Amino acid sequence: MMSRISVRTIGGFGSLKLNQTNFPAMTDLLLDVDWDGLFELCQTSGDESGELFTELLRLTTLQVASILSKKKTYGGKPRDKILRHLRSRRRKLTKRLEVITKTGRNWRQLLKVEAEIASVT
């Protein structure tokens, strides 16, 4: 069985603006593909279940759609999201450190929290 890669990681259909796609041009390109030849090629390579041809069909359609479609743009920079997460994590760990030092117990936990704070900053 073939392993499936996440659609987002390879820039799949979810990363395309399909509502702005030129569908008549897409239809023309898909009609130009030699589907019978591809099916026979898959059959001669030992694909009795049709799984290989199905994956080839999906990838060919994705390639045609990616040629004719614009890619989606996502707001915010990924770096900003990472920094926001790290700051939040550091704040939480600092509060935990304050609670542990006030109680004066559990020095192992204190060392663990200090190490986590050092790795975040």
C-alpha atoms as a PDB file:
ATOM      1  CA  MET A   1       0.000   0.000   0.000  1.00  0.00           C
ATOM      2  CA  MET A   2       1.335   3.446  -0.891  1.00  0.00           C
ATOM      3  CA  SER A   3       1.962   5.902   1.896  1.00  0.00           C
ATOM      4  CA  ARG A   4      -0.016   9.117   1.764  1.00  0.00           C
ATOM      5  CA  ILE A   5       1.820  12.400   2.203  1.00  0.00           C
ATOM      6  CA  SER A   6      -0.067  15.236   3.831  1.00  0.00           C
ATOM      7  CA  VAL A   7      -1.720  17.464   1.254  1.00  0.00           C
ATOM      8  CA  ARG A   8      -0.319  20.599   2.857  1.00  0.00           C
ATOM      9  CA  THR A   9       3.268  19.386   2.797  1.00  0.00           C
ATOM     10  CA  ILE A  10       3.398  18.954  -0.963  1.00  0.00           C
ATOM     11  CA  GLY A  11       1.242  21.982  -1.717  1.00  0.00           C
ATOM     12  CA  GLY A  12      -1.911  20.042  -2.474  1.00  0.00           C
ATOM     13  CA  PHE A  13      -5.384  21.144  -3.476  1.00  0.00           C
ATOM     14  CA  GLY A  14      -5.870  22.924  -0.154  1.00  0.00           C
ATOM     15  CA  SER A  15      -3.102  25.391  -0.959  1.00  0.00           C
ATOM     16  CA  LEU A  16      -4.728  26.527  -4.232  1.00  0.00           C
ATOM     17  CA  LYS A  17      -7.355  29.209  -4.881  1.00  0.00           C
ATOM     18  CA  LEU A  18      -9.677  26.966  -6.886  1.00  0.00           C
ATOM     19  CA  ASN A  19     -12.455  29.566  -6.986  1.00  0.00           C
ATOM     20  CA  GLN A  20     -10.240  31.679  -9.283  1.00  0.00           C
ATOM     21  CA  THR A  21      -9.193  28.828 -11.571  1.00  0.00           C
ATOM     22  CA  ASN A  22      -9.842  28.819 -15.313  1.00  0.00           C
ATOM     23  CA  PHE A  23     -11.836  25.569 -15.436  1.00  0.00           C
ATOM     24  CA  PRO A  24     -12.370  25.420 -19.230  1.00  0.00           C
ATOM     25  CA  ALA A  25      -8.589  25.595 -19.722  1.00  0.00           C
ATOM     26  CA  MET A  26      -8.153  22.947 -17.022  1.00  0.00           C
ATOM     27  CA  THR A  27     -10.628  20.694 -18.812  1.00  0.00           C
ATOM     28  CA  ASP A  28      -8.741  21.120 -22.089  1.00  0.00           C
ATOM     29  CA  LEU A  29      -5.431  20.199 -20.467  1.00  0.00           C
ATOM     30  CA  LEU A  30      -6.936  17.150 -18.742  1.00  0.00           C
ATOM     31  CA  LEU A  31      -8.518  15.987 -22.018  1.00  0.00           C
ATOM     32  CA  ASP A  32      -5.087  16.156 -23.695  1.00  0.00           C
ATOM     33  CA  VAL A  33      -3.656  13.613 -21.248  1.00  0.00           C
ATOM     34  CA  ASP A  34      -3.364  10.051 -22.586  1.00  0.00           C
ATOM     35  CA  TRP A  35      -5.329   8.405 -19.759  1.00  0.00           C
ATOM     36  CA  ASP A  36      -5.655   5.055 -21.538  1.00  0.00           C
ATOM     37  CA  GLY A  37      -1.905   4.889 -22.040  1.00  0.00           C
ATOM     38  CA  LEU A  38      -1.293   5.753 -18.378  1.00  0.00           C
ATOM     39  CA  PHE A  39      -3.788   3.094 -17.272  1.00  0.00           C
ATOM     40  CA  GLU A  40      -2.103   0.447 -19.435  1.00  0.00           C
ATOM     41  CA  LEU A  41       1.292   1.518 -18.121  1.00  0.00           C
ATOM     42  CA  CYS A  42       0.064   1.051 -14.552  1.00  0.00           C
ATOM     43  CA  GLN A  43      -1.421  -2.355 -15.396  1.00  0.00           C
ATOM     44  CA  THR A  44       1.829  -3.585 -16.961  1.00  0.00           C
ATOM     45  CA  SER A  45       3.772  -2.481 -13.880  1.00  0.00           C
ATOM     46  CA  GLY A  46       1.729  -4.853 -11.723  1.00  0.00           C
ATOM     47  CA  ASP A  47      -1.021  -2.597 -10.368  1.00  0.00           C
ATOM     48  CA  GLU A  48      -4.013  -4.935 -10.282  1.00  0.00           C
ATOM     49  CA  SER A  49      -5.865  -3.006  -7.585  1.00  0.00           C
ATOM     50  CA  GLY A  50      -5.775   0.284  -9.484  1.00  0.00           C
ATOM     51  CA  GLU A  51      -4.179   2.092  -6.551  1.00  0.00           C
ATOM     52  CA  LEU A  52      -1.211   3.312  -8.587  1.00  0.00           C
ATOM     53  CA  PHE A  53      -3.446   4.677 -11.332  1.00  0.00           C
ATOM     54  CA  THR A  54      -5.661   6.417  -8.774  1.00  0.00           C
ATOM     55  CA  GLU A  55      -2.632   8.128  -7.260  1.00  0.00           C
ATOM     56  CA  LEU A  56      -1.365   9.062 -10.724  1.00  0.00           C
ATOM     57  CA  LEU A  57      -4.780  10.505 -11.576  1.00  0.00           C
ATOM     58  CA  ARG A  58      -4.785  12.601  -8.397  1.00  0.00           C
ATOM     59  CA  LEU A  59      -1.244  13.896  -8.936  1.00  0.00           C
ATOM     60  CA  THR A  60      -1.867  14.728 -12.604  1.00  0.00           C
ATOM     61  CA  THR A  61      -5.012  16.655 -11.706  1.00  0.00           C
ATOM     62  CA  LEU A  62      -3.097  18.434  -8.939  1.00  0.00           C
ATOM     63  CA  GLN A  63      -0.329  19.378 -11.363  1.00  0.00           C
ATOM     64  CA  VAL A  64      -2.786  20.817 -13.894  1.00  0.00           C
ATOM     65  CA  ALA A  65      -4.646  22.679 -11.147  1.00  0.00           C
ATOM     66  CA  SER A  66      -1.406  24.113  -9.756  1.00  0.00           C
ATOM     67  CA  ILE A  67      -0.432  25.382 -13.223  1.00  0.00           C
ATOM     68  CA  LEU A  68      -3.695  27.264 -13.692  1.00  0.00           C
ATOM     69  CA  SER A  69      -4.441  28.325 -10.099  1.00  0.00           C
ATOM     70  CA  LYS A  70      -2.965  30.894  -7.782  1.00  0.00           C
ATOM     71  CA  LYS A  71      -1.556  29.782  -4.462  1.00  0.00           C
ATOM     72  CA  LYS A  72      -3.239  30.864  -1.232  1.00  0.00           C
ATOM     73  CA  THR A  73      -1.434  33.343   0.944  1.00  0.00           C
ATOM     74  CA  TYR A  74      -1.710  32.985   4.679  1.00  0.00           C
ATOM     75  CA  GLY A  75      -1.624  35.916   7.068  1.00  0.00           C
ATOM     76  CA  GLY A  76       1.108  36.346   9.597  1.00  0.00           C
ATOM     77  CA  LYS A  77       4.654  35.241   9.402  1.00  0.00           C
ATOM     78  CA  PRO A  78       5.495  31.767  10.696  1.00  0.00           C
ATOM     79  CA  ARG A  79       8.391  33.255  12.651  1.00  0.00           C
ATOM     80  CA  ASP A  80       5.987  35.517  14.590  1.00  0.00           C
ATOM     81  CA  LYS A  81       3.858  32.517  15.585  1.00  0.00           C
ATOM     82  CA  ILE A  82       6.917  30.649  16.813  1.00  0.00           C
ATOM     83  CA  LEU A  83       8.146  33.629  18.833  1.00  0.00           C
ATOM     84  CA  ARG A  84       4.702  34.136  20.360  1.00  0.00           C
ATOM     85  CA  HIS A  85       4.607  30.473  21.389  1.00  0.00           C
ATOM     86  CA  LEU A  86       8.093  30.639  22.921  1.00  0.00           C
ATOM     87  CA  ARG A  87       7.281  33.805  24.882  1.00  0.00           C
ATOM     88  CA  SER A  88       4.104  32.239  26.211  1.00  0.00           C
ATOM     89  CA  ARG A  89       5.979  29.085  27.199  1.00  0.00           C
ATOM     90  CA  ARG A  90       8.685  31.132  28.947  1.00  0.00           C
ATOM     91  CA  ARG A  91       6.054  33.120  30.914  1.00  0.00           C
ATOM     92  CA  LYS A  92       4.364  29.927  32.087  1.00  0.00           C
ATOM     93  CA  LEU A  93       7.663  28.354  33.092  1.00  0.00           C
ATOM     94  CA  THR A  94       8.744  31.508  34.945  1.00  0.00           C
ATOM     95  CA  LYS A  95       5.517  31.466  36.961  1.00  0.00           C
ATOM     96  CA  ARG A  96       6.074  27.803  37.786  1.00  0.00           C
ATOM     97  CA  LEU A  97       9.622  28.599  38.858  1.00  0.00           C
ATOM     98  CA  GLU A  98       8.368  31.345  41.194  1.00  0.00           C
ATOM     99  CA  VAL A  99       5.886  28.975  42.831  1.00  0.00           C
ATOM    100  CA  ILE A 100       8.531  26.287  43.314  1.00  0.00           C
ATOM    101  CA  THR A 101      11.061  28.715  44.808  1.00  0.00           C
ATOM    102  CA  LYS A 102       8.454  30.184  47.199  1.00  0.00           C
ATOM    103  CA  THR A 103       7.533  26.780  48.556  1.00  0.00           C
ATOM    104  CA  GLY A 104      11.195  25.736  48.781  1.00  0.00           C
ATOM    105  CA  ARG A 105      10.432  22.107  48.028  1.00  0.00           C
ATOM    106  CA  ASN A 106      11.192  19.697  45.238  1.00  0.00           C
ATOM    107  CA  TRP A 107      14.620  20.798  44.040  1.00  0.00           C
ATOM    108  CA  ARG A 108      14.528  18.273  41.183  1.00  0.00           C
ATOM    109  CA  GLN A 109      11.493  19.954  39.731  1.00  0.00           C
ATOM    110  CA  LEU A 110      13.238  23.310  40.188  1.00  0.00           C
ATOM    111  CA  LEU A 111      16.226  22.096  38.147  1.00  0.00           C
ATOM    112  CA  LYS A 112      13.935  20.721  35.472  1.00  0.00           C
ATOM    113  CA  VAL A 113      12.030  24.010  35.109  1.00  0.00           C
ATOM    114  CA  GLU A 114      15.271  26.001  35.022  1.00  0.00           C
ATOM    115  CA  ALA A 115      16.570  23.758  32.234  1.00  0.00           C
ATOM    116  CA  GLU A 116      13.337  24.207  30.264  1.00  0.00           C
ATOM    117  CA  ILE A 117      13.557  27.991  30.626  1.00  0.00           C
ATOM    118  CA  ALA A 118      17.145  27.913  29.406  1.00  0.00           C
ATOM    119  CA  SER A 119      16.132  25.880  26.359  1.00  0.00           C
ATOM    120  CA  VAL A 120      13.292  28.279  25.504  1.00  0.00           C
ATOM    121  CA  THR A 121      15.358  31.444  25.696  1.00  0.00           C
END
